[in-house]
Amino acid sequence: YPDYPMELQLWARQQPLLSCHPDALHGTLLG
């Protein structure tokens, strides 16, 4: 496909998870 436009589809495969700690917030993103 020489010089054709493209599209990108992004999505989360699983629910993002957040954990709260005294020093920081930690998140896990599975996409």
PDB file of all heavy atoms in Angstrom:
ATOM      1  N   TYR A   1       0.847  -1.194   0.000  1.00  0.00           N
ATOM      2  CA  TYR A   1       0.000   0.000   0.000  1.00  0.00           C
ATOM      3  C   TYR A   1       0.888   1.251   0.000  1.00  0.00           C
ATOM      4  O   TYR A   1       1.069   1.891   1.037  1.00  0.00           O
ATOM      5  CB  TYR A   1      -0.913   0.016   1.237  1.00  0.00           C
ATOM      6  CG  TYR A   1      -1.737  -1.226   1.403  1.00  0.00           C
ATOM      7  CD1 TYR A   1      -1.373  -2.201   2.333  1.00  0.00           C
ATOM      8  CD2 TYR A   1      -2.879  -1.433   0.642  1.00  0.00           C
ATOM      9  CE1 TYR A   1      -2.132  -3.349   2.491  1.00  0.00           C
ATOM     10  CE2 TYR A   1      -3.641  -2.579   0.793  1.00  0.00           C
ATOM     11  CZ  TYR A   1      -3.258  -3.531   1.719  1.00  0.00           C
ATOM     12  OH  TYR A   1      -4.004  -4.661   1.872  1.00  0.00           O
ATOM     13  N   PRO A   2       1.429   1.635  -1.159  1.00  0.00           N
ATOM     14  CA  PRO A   2       2.332   2.795  -1.182  1.00  0.00           C
ATOM     15  C   PRO A   2       1.587   4.110  -0.904  1.00  0.00           C
ATOM     16  O   PRO A   2       0.619   4.439  -1.575  1.00  0.00           O
ATOM     17  CB  PRO A   2       2.911   2.779  -2.586  1.00  0.00           C
ATOM     18  CG  PRO A   2       1.945   1.974  -3.389  1.00  0.00           C
ATOM     19  CD  PRO A   2       1.258   1.026  -2.453  1.00  0.00           C
ATOM     20  N   ASP A   3       2.030   4.823   0.106  1.00  0.00           N
ATOM     21  CA  ASP A   3       1.540   6.150   0.484  1.00  0.00           C
ATOM     22  C   ASP A   3       0.025   6.249   0.660  1.00  0.00           C
ATOM     23  O   ASP A   3      -0.625   7.142   0.132  1.00  0.00           O
ATOM     24  CB  ASP A   3       2.027   7.207  -0.514  1.00  0.00           C
ATOM     25  CG  ASP A   3       2.000   8.593   0.105  1.00  0.00           C
ATOM     26  OD1 ASP A   3       2.057   8.696   1.349  1.00  0.00           O
ATOM     27  OD2 ASP A   3       1.894   9.569  -0.646  1.00  0.00           O
ATOM     28  N   TYR A   4      -0.529   5.343   1.433  1.00  0.00           N
ATOM     29  CA  TYR A   4      -1.950   5.394   1.787  1.00  0.00           C
ATOM     30  C   TYR A   4      -2.086   5.966   3.193  1.00  0.00           C
ATOM     31  O   TYR A   4      -1.213   5.767   4.035  1.00  0.00           O
ATOM     32  CB  TYR A   4      -2.575   3.996   1.778  1.00  0.00           C
ATOM     33  CG  TYR A   4      -2.920   3.479   0.410  1.00  0.00           C
ATOM     34  CD1 TYR A   4      -1.964   2.874  -0.390  1.00  0.00           C
ATOM     35  CD2 TYR A   4      -4.222   3.590  -0.066  1.00  0.00           C
ATOM     36  CE1 TYR A   4      -2.288   2.394  -1.641  1.00  0.00           C
ATOM     37  CE2 TYR A   4      -4.554   3.101  -1.317  1.00  0.00           C
ATOM     38  CZ  TYR A   4      -3.583   2.514  -2.097  1.00  0.00           C
ATOM     39  OH  TYR A   4      -3.913   2.039  -3.338  1.00  0.00           O
ATOM     40  N   PRO A   5      -3.198   6.643   3.494  1.00  0.00           N
ATOM     41  CA  PRO A   5      -3.423   7.089   4.870  1.00  0.00           C
ATOM     42  C   PRO A   5      -3.707   5.899   5.772  1.00  0.00           C
ATOM     43  O   PRO A   5      -4.144   4.843   5.311  1.00  0.00           O
ATOM     44  CB  PRO A   5      -4.643   8.013   4.763  1.00  0.00           C
ATOM     45  CG  PRO A   5      -5.307   7.662   3.485  1.00  0.00           C
ATOM     46  CD  PRO A   5      -4.264   7.066   2.586  1.00  0.00           C
ATOM     47  N   MET A   6      -3.463   6.109   7.046  1.00  0.00           N
ATOM     48  CA  MET A   6      -3.688   5.052   8.032  1.00  0.00           C
ATOM     49  C   MET A   6      -4.515   5.608   9.181  1.00  0.00           C
ATOM     50  O   MET A   6      -4.601   6.816   9.381  1.00  0.00           O
ATOM     51  CB  MET A   6      -2.355   4.519   8.560  1.00  0.00           C
ATOM     52  CG  MET A   6      -1.512   3.833   7.507  1.00  0.00           C
ATOM     53  SD  MET A   6       0.011   3.151   8.204  1.00  0.00           S
ATOM     54  CE  MET A   6      -0.640   1.770   9.121  1.00  0.00           C
ATOM     55  N   GLU A   7      -5.120   4.708   9.947  1.00  0.00           N
ATOM     56  CA  GLU A   7      -5.819   5.045  11.179  1.00  0.00           C
ATOM     57  C   GLU A   7      -5.297   4.140  12.279  1.00  0.00           C
ATOM     58  O   GLU A   7      -4.891   3.009  12.016  1.00  0.00           O
ATOM     59  CB  GLU A   7      -7.327   4.847  11.035  1.00  0.00           C
ATOM     60  CG  GLU A   7      -7.999   5.875  10.166  1.00  0.00           C
ATOM     61  CD  GLU A   7      -9.504   5.693  10.099  1.00  0.00           C
ATOM     62  OE1 GLU A   7     -10.050   4.789  10.777  1.00  0.00           O
ATOM     63  OE2 GLU A   7     -10.132   6.445   9.347  1.00  0.00           O
ATOM     64  N   LEU A   8      -5.330   4.656  13.471  1.00  0.00           N
ATOM     65  CA  LEU A   8      -4.883   3.904  14.636  1.00  0.00           C
ATOM     66  C   LEU A   8      -6.036   3.841  15.617  1.00  0.00           C
ATOM     67  O   LEU A   8      -6.659   4.857  15.926  1.00  0.00           O
ATOM     68  CB  LEU A   8      -3.682   4.612  15.267  1.00  0.00           C
ATOM     69  CG  LEU A   8      -2.889   3.872  16.312  1.00  0.00           C
ATOM     70  CD1 LEU A   8      -2.264   2.615  15.727  1.00  0.00           C
ATOM     71  CD2 LEU A   8      -1.800   4.768  16.865  1.00  0.00           C
ATOM     72  N   GLN A   9      -6.340   2.644  16.066  1.00  0.00           N
ATOM     73  CA  GLN A   9      -7.394   2.460  17.063  1.00  0.00           C
ATOM     74  C   GLN A   9      -6.726   2.035  18.366  1.00  0.00           C
ATOM     75  O   GLN A   9      -6.008   1.034  18.402  1.00  0.00           O
ATOM     76  CB  GLN A   9      -8.385   1.403  16.597  1.00  0.00           C
ATOM     77  CG  GLN A   9      -9.579   1.260  17.502  1.00  0.00           C
ATOM     78  CD  GLN A   9     -10.573   0.243  16.957  1.00  0.00           C
ATOM     79  OE1 GLN A   9     -10.199  -0.841  16.558  1.00  0.00           O
ATOM     80  NE2 GLN A   9     -11.836   0.623  16.971  1.00  0.00           N
ATOM     81  N   LEU A  10      -6.945   2.818  19.431  1.00  0.00           N
ATOM     82  CA  LEU A  10      -6.367   2.542  20.743  1.00  0.00           C
ATOM     83  C   LEU A  10      -7.479   2.169  21.698  1.00  0.00           C
ATOM     84  O   LEU A  10      -8.562   2.766  21.654  1.00  0.00           O
ATOM     85  CB  LEU A  10      -5.648   3.776  21.280  1.00  0.00           C
ATOM     86  CG  LEU A  10      -4.572   4.382  20.390  1.00  0.00           C
ATOM     87  CD1 LEU A  10      -4.133   5.725  20.943  1.00  0.00           C
ATOM     88  CD2 LEU A  10      -3.394   3.448  20.270  1.00  0.00           C
ATOM     89  N   TRP A  11      -7.234   1.201  22.575  1.00  0.00           N
ATOM     90  CA  TRP A  11      -8.235   0.839  23.572  1.00  0.00           C
ATOM     91  C   TRP A  11      -7.580   0.152  24.756  1.00  0.00           C
ATOM     92  O   TRP A  11      -6.471  -0.371  24.657  1.00  0.00           O
ATOM     93  CB  TRP A  11      -9.338  -0.047  22.979  1.00  0.00           C
ATOM     94  CG  TRP A  11      -8.917  -1.439  22.632  1.00  0.00           C
ATOM     95  CD1 TRP A  11      -8.986  -2.543  23.429  1.00  0.00           C
ATOM     96  CD2 TRP A  11      -8.356  -1.892  21.400  1.00  0.00           C
ATOM     97  NE1 TRP A  11      -8.521  -3.643  22.771  1.00  0.00           N
ATOM     98  CE2 TRP A  11      -8.126  -3.273  21.514  1.00  0.00           C
ATOM     99  CE3 TRP A  11      -8.027  -1.262  20.200  1.00  0.00           C
ATOM    100  CZ2 TRP A  11      -7.577  -4.026  20.487  1.00  0.00           C
ATOM    101  CZ3 TRP A  11      -7.486  -2.019  19.177  1.00  0.00           C
ATOM    102  CH2 TRP A  11      -7.270  -3.386  19.336  1.00  0.00           C
ATOM    103  N   ALA A  12      -8.283   0.207  25.868  1.00  0.00           N
ATOM    104  CA  ALA A  12      -7.841  -0.497  27.075  1.00  0.00           C
ATOM    105  C   ALA A  12      -8.326  -1.937  26.974  1.00  0.00           C
ATOM    106  O   ALA A  12      -9.501  -2.182  26.733  1.00  0.00           O
ATOM    107  CB  ALA A  12      -8.406   0.175  28.316  1.00  0.00           C
ATOM    108  N   ARG A  13      -7.411  -2.896  27.152  1.00  0.00           N
ATOM    109  CA  ARG A  13      -7.794  -4.314  27.122  1.00  0.00           C
ATOM    110  C   ARG A  13      -8.423  -4.741  28.439  1.00  0.00           C
ATOM    111  O   ARG A  13      -9.201  -5.684  28.482  1.00  0.00           O
ATOM    112  CB  ARG A  13      -6.569  -5.201  26.854  1.00  0.00           C
ATOM    113  CG  ARG A  13      -6.006  -5.073  25.475  1.00  0.00           C
ATOM    114  CD  ARG A  13      -4.962  -6.146  25.164  1.00  0.00           C
ATOM    115  NE  ARG A  13      -4.156  -6.597  26.260  1.00  0.00           N
ATOM    116  CZ  ARG A  13      -3.025  -6.028  26.676  1.00  0.00           C
ATOM    117  NH1 ARG A  13      -2.589  -4.947  26.093  1.00  0.00           N
ATOM    118  NH2 ARG A  13      -2.345  -6.543  27.676  1.00  0.00           N
ATOM    119  N   GLN A  14      -8.019  -4.096  29.509  1.00  0.00           N
ATOM    120  CA  GLN A  14      -8.559  -4.378  30.831  1.00  0.00           C
ATOM    121  C   GLN A  14      -8.765  -3.056  31.548  1.00  0.00           C
ATOM    122  O   GLN A  14      -8.226  -2.024  31.137  1.00  0.00           O
ATOM    123  CB  GLN A  14      -7.590  -5.246  31.642  1.00  0.00           C
ATOM    124  CG  GLN A  14      -7.393  -6.639  31.101  1.00  0.00           C
ATOM    125  CD  GLN A  14      -6.414  -7.432  31.966  1.00  0.00           C
ATOM    126  OE1 GLN A  14      -6.120  -7.082  33.097  1.00  0.00           O
ATOM    127  NE2 GLN A  14      -5.909  -8.522  31.420  1.00  0.00           N
ATOM    128  N   GLN A  15      -9.512  -3.111  32.619  1.00  0.00           N
ATOM    129  CA  GLN A  15      -9.756  -1.912  33.417  1.00  0.00           C
ATOM    130  C   GLN A  15      -8.423  -1.398  33.956  1.00  0.00           C
ATOM    131  O   GLN A  15      -7.649  -2.164  34.525  1.00  0.00           O
ATOM    132  CB  GLN A  15     -10.678  -2.260  34.572  1.00  0.00           C
ATOM    133  CG  GLN A  15     -10.764  -1.188  35.624  1.00  0.00           C
ATOM    134  CD  GLN A  15     -11.417  -1.680  36.901  1.00  0.00           C
ATOM    135  OE1 GLN A  15     -12.103  -2.685  36.910  1.00  0.00           O
ATOM    136  NE2 GLN A  15     -11.193  -0.972  37.988  1.00  0.00           N
ATOM    137  N   PRO A  16      -8.147  -0.092  33.807  1.00  0.00           N
ATOM    138  CA  PRO A  16      -6.955   0.465  34.454  1.00  0.00           C
ATOM    139  C   PRO A  16      -7.101   0.357  35.976  1.00  0.00           C
ATOM    140  O   PRO A  16      -8.206   0.465  36.508  1.00  0.00           O
ATOM    141  CB  PRO A  16      -6.969   1.935  34.024  1.00  0.00           C
ATOM    142  CG  PRO A  16      -7.843   1.983  32.826  1.00  0.00           C
ATOM    143  CD  PRO A  16      -8.847   0.884  32.996  1.00  0.00           C
ATOM    144  N   LEU A  17      -5.991   0.131  36.643  1.00  0.00           N
ATOM    145  CA  LEU A  17      -6.010  -0.002  38.104  1.00  0.00           C
ATOM    146  C   LEU A  17      -5.143   1.069  38.729  1.00  0.00           C
ATOM    147  O   LEU A  17      -4.051   1.365  38.242  1.00  0.00           O
ATOM    148  CB  LEU A  17      -5.514  -1.381  38.526  1.00  0.00           C
ATOM    149  CG  LEU A  17      -6.390  -2.552  38.093  1.00  0.00           C
ATOM    150  CD1 LEU A  17      -5.734  -3.877  38.458  1.00  0.00           C
ATOM    151  CD2 LEU A  17      -7.769  -2.456  38.724  1.00  0.00           C
ATOM    152  N   LEU A  18      -5.621   1.639  39.826  1.00  0.00           N
ATOM    153  CA  LEU A  18      -4.901   2.663  40.554  1.00  0.00           C
ATOM    154  C   LEU A  18      -4.707   2.193  41.985  1.00  0.00           C
ATOM    155  O   LEU A  18      -5.627   1.645  42.594  1.00  0.00           O
ATOM    156  CB  LEU A  18      -5.690   3.975  40.552  1.00  0.00           C
ATOM    157  CG  LEU A  18      -5.048   5.135  41.299  1.00  0.00           C
ATOM    158  CD1 LEU A  18      -3.870   5.687  40.499  1.00  0.00           C
ATOM    159  CD2 LEU A  18      -6.072   6.217  41.552  1.00  0.00           C
ATOM    160  N   SER A  19      -3.511   2.406  42.516  1.00  0.00           N
ATOM    161  CA  SER A  19      -3.278   2.123  43.934  1.00  0.00           C
ATOM    162  C   SER A  19      -2.657   3.365  44.563  1.00  0.00           C
ATOM    163  O   SER A  19      -1.795   4.018  43.972  1.00  0.00           O
ATOM    164  CB  SER A  19      -2.381   0.890  44.124  1.00  0.00           C
ATOM    165  OG  SER A  19      -1.129   1.083  43.525  1.00  0.00           O
ATOM    166  N   CYS A  20      -3.135   3.704  45.745  1.00  0.00           N
ATOM    167  CA  CYS A  20      -2.675   4.890  46.467  1.00  0.00           C
ATOM    168  C   CYS A  20      -1.656   4.481  47.519  1.00  0.00           C
ATOM    169  O   CYS A  20      -1.900   3.561  48.300  1.00  0.00           O
ATOM    170  CB  CYS A  20      -3.857   5.577  47.146  1.00  0.00           C
ATOM    171  SG  CYS A  20      -5.146   6.112  46.019  1.00  0.00           S
ATOM    172  N   HIS A  21      -0.529   5.172  47.523  1.00  0.00           N
ATOM    173  CA  HIS A  21       0.518   4.951  48.513  1.00  0.00           C
ATOM    174  C   HIS A  21       0.867   6.302  49.123  1.00  0.00           C
ATOM    175  O   HIS A  21       0.608   7.344  48.520  1.00  0.00           O
ATOM    176  CB  HIS A  21       1.757   4.325  47.850  1.00  0.00           C
ATOM    177  CG  HIS A  21       1.467   2.993  47.217  1.00  0.00           C
ATOM    178  ND1 HIS A  21       1.519   1.814  47.912  1.00  0.00           N
ATOM    179  CD2 HIS A  21       1.088   2.661  45.958  1.00  0.00           C
ATOM    180  CE1 HIS A  21       1.200   0.808  47.100  1.00  0.00           C
ATOM    181  NE2 HIS A  21       0.928   1.306  45.915  1.00  0.00           N
ATOM    182  N   PRO A  22       1.457   6.325  50.299  1.00  0.00           N
ATOM    183  CA  PRO A  22       1.771   7.612  50.930  1.00  0.00           C
ATOM    184  C   PRO A  22       2.651   8.525  50.072  1.00  0.00           C
ATOM    185  O   PRO A  22       2.510   9.733  50.101  1.00  0.00           O
ATOM    186  CB  PRO A  22       2.505   7.221  52.217  1.00  0.00           C
ATOM    187  CG  PRO A  22       2.053   5.836  52.509  1.00  0.00           C
ATOM    188  CD  PRO A  22       1.783   5.200  51.170  1.00  0.00           C
ATOM    189  N   ASP A  23       3.550   7.932  49.278  1.00  0.00           N
ATOM    190  CA  ASP A  23       4.477   8.757  48.499  1.00  0.00           C
ATOM    191  C   ASP A  23       4.021   9.020  47.068  1.00  0.00           C
ATOM    192  O   ASP A  23       4.526   9.936  46.424  1.00  0.00           O
ATOM    193  CB  ASP A  23       5.856   8.095  48.469  1.00  0.00           C
ATOM    194  CG  ASP A  23       5.835   6.742  47.777  1.00  0.00           C
ATOM    195  OD1 ASP A  23       4.777   6.082  47.795  1.00  0.00           O
ATOM    196  OD2 ASP A  23       6.862   6.347  47.204  1.00  0.00           O
ATOM    197  N   ALA A  24       3.081   8.238  46.536  1.00  0.00           N
ATOM    198  CA  ALA A  24       2.716   8.393  45.128  1.00  0.00           C
ATOM    199  C   ALA A  24       1.453   7.616  44.802  1.00  0.00           C
ATOM    200  O   ALA A  24       0.982   6.800  45.603  1.00  0.00           O
ATOM    201  CB  ALA A  24       3.862   7.894  44.243  1.00  0.00           C
ATOM    202  N   LEU A  25       0.938   7.874  43.617  1.00  0.00           N
ATOM    203  CA  LEU A  25      -0.160   7.098  43.054  1.00  0.00           C
ATOM    204  C   LEU A  25       0.432   6.216  41.970  1.00  0.00           C
ATOM    205  O   LEU A  25       1.231   6.689  41.155  1.00  0.00           O
ATOM    206  CB  LEU A  25      -1.211   8.028  42.435  1.00  0.00           C
ATOM    207  CG  LEU A  25      -1.867   9.025  43.372  1.00  0.00           C
ATOM    208  CD1 LEU A  25      -2.750   9.973  42.582  1.00  0.00           C
ATOM    209  CD2 LEU A  25      -2.681   8.300  44.424  1.00  0.00           C
ATOM    210  N   HIS A  26       0.058   4.953  41.956  1.00  0.00           N
ATOM    211  CA  HIS A  26       0.566   4.019  40.952  1.00  0.00           C
ATOM    212  C   HIS A  26      -0.603   3.521  40.110  1.00  0.00           C
ATOM    213  O   HIS A  26      -1.644   3.154  40.650  1.00  0.00           O
ATOM    214  CB  HIS A  26       1.270   2.828  41.623  1.00  0.00           C
ATOM    215  CG  HIS A  26       2.441   3.222  42.454  1.00  0.00           C
ATOM    216  ND1 HIS A  26       3.662   3.530  41.915  1.00  0.00           N
ATOM    217  CD2 HIS A  26       2.565   3.393  43.788  1.00  0.00           C
ATOM    218  CE1 HIS A  26       4.492   3.856  42.887  1.00  0.00           C
ATOM    219  NE2 HIS A  26       3.848   3.786  44.038  1.00  0.00           N
ATOM    220  N   GLY A  27      -0.399   3.529  38.806  1.00  0.00           N
ATOM    221  CA  GLY A  27      -1.448   3.059  37.904  1.00  0.00           C
ATOM    222  C   GLY A  27      -0.915   2.027  36.941  1.00  0.00           C
ATOM    223  O   GLY A  27       0.258   2.060  36.555  1.00  0.00           O
ATOM    224  N   THR A  28      -1.770   1.103  36.555  1.00  0.00           N
ATOM    225  CA  THR A  28      -1.427   0.086  35.570  1.00  0.00           C
ATOM    226  C   THR A  28      -2.381   0.237  34.400  1.00  0.00           C
ATOM    227  O   THR A  28      -3.602   0.228  34.582  1.00  0.00           O
ATOM    228  CB  THR A  28      -1.546  -1.327  36.169  1.00  0.00           C
ATOM    229  OG1 THR A  28      -0.664  -1.424  37.278  1.00  0.00           O
ATOM    230  CG2 THR A  28      -1.178  -2.385  35.149  1.00  0.00           C
ATOM    231  N   LEU A  29      -1.820   0.401  33.213  1.00  0.00           N
ATOM    232  CA  LEU A  29      -2.598   0.557  31.997  1.00  0.00           C
ATOM    233  C   LEU A  29      -2.275  -0.584  31.050  1.00  0.00           C
ATOM    234  O   LEU A  29      -1.112  -0.794  30.697  1.00  0.00           O
ATOM    235  CB  LEU A  29      -2.256   1.890  31.318  1.00  0.00           C
ATOM    236  CG  LEU A  29      -2.351   3.135  32.198  1.00  0.00           C
ATOM    237  CD1 LEU A  29      -1.739   4.325  31.492  1.00  0.00           C
ATOM    238  CD2 LEU A  29      -3.780   3.401  32.577  1.00  0.00           C
ATOM    239  N   LEU A  30      -3.290  -1.340  30.643  1.00  0.00           N
ATOM    240  CA  LEU A  30      -3.119  -2.445  29.709  1.00  0.00           C
ATOM    241  C   LEU A  30      -3.912  -2.088  28.458  1.00  0.00           C
ATOM    242  O   LEU A  30      -5.135  -2.107  28.469  1.00  0.00           O
ATOM    243  CB  LEU A  30      -3.634  -3.751  30.313  1.00  0.00           C
ATOM    244  CG  LEU A  30      -3.009  -4.151  31.657  1.00  0.00           C
ATOM    245  CD1 LEU A  30      -3.680  -5.396  32.207  1.00  0.00           C
ATOM    246  CD2 LEU A  30      -1.523  -4.365  31.514  1.00  0.00           C
ATOM    247  N   GLY A  31      -3.185  -1.732  27.404  1.00  0.00           N
ATOM    248  CA  GLY A  31      -3.859  -1.265  26.207  1.00  0.00           C
ATOM    249  C   GLY A  31      -3.398  -1.974  24.954  1.00  0.00           C
ATOM    250  O   GLY A  31      -2.444  -2.752  24.977  1.00  0.00           O
TER     251      GLY A  31
END
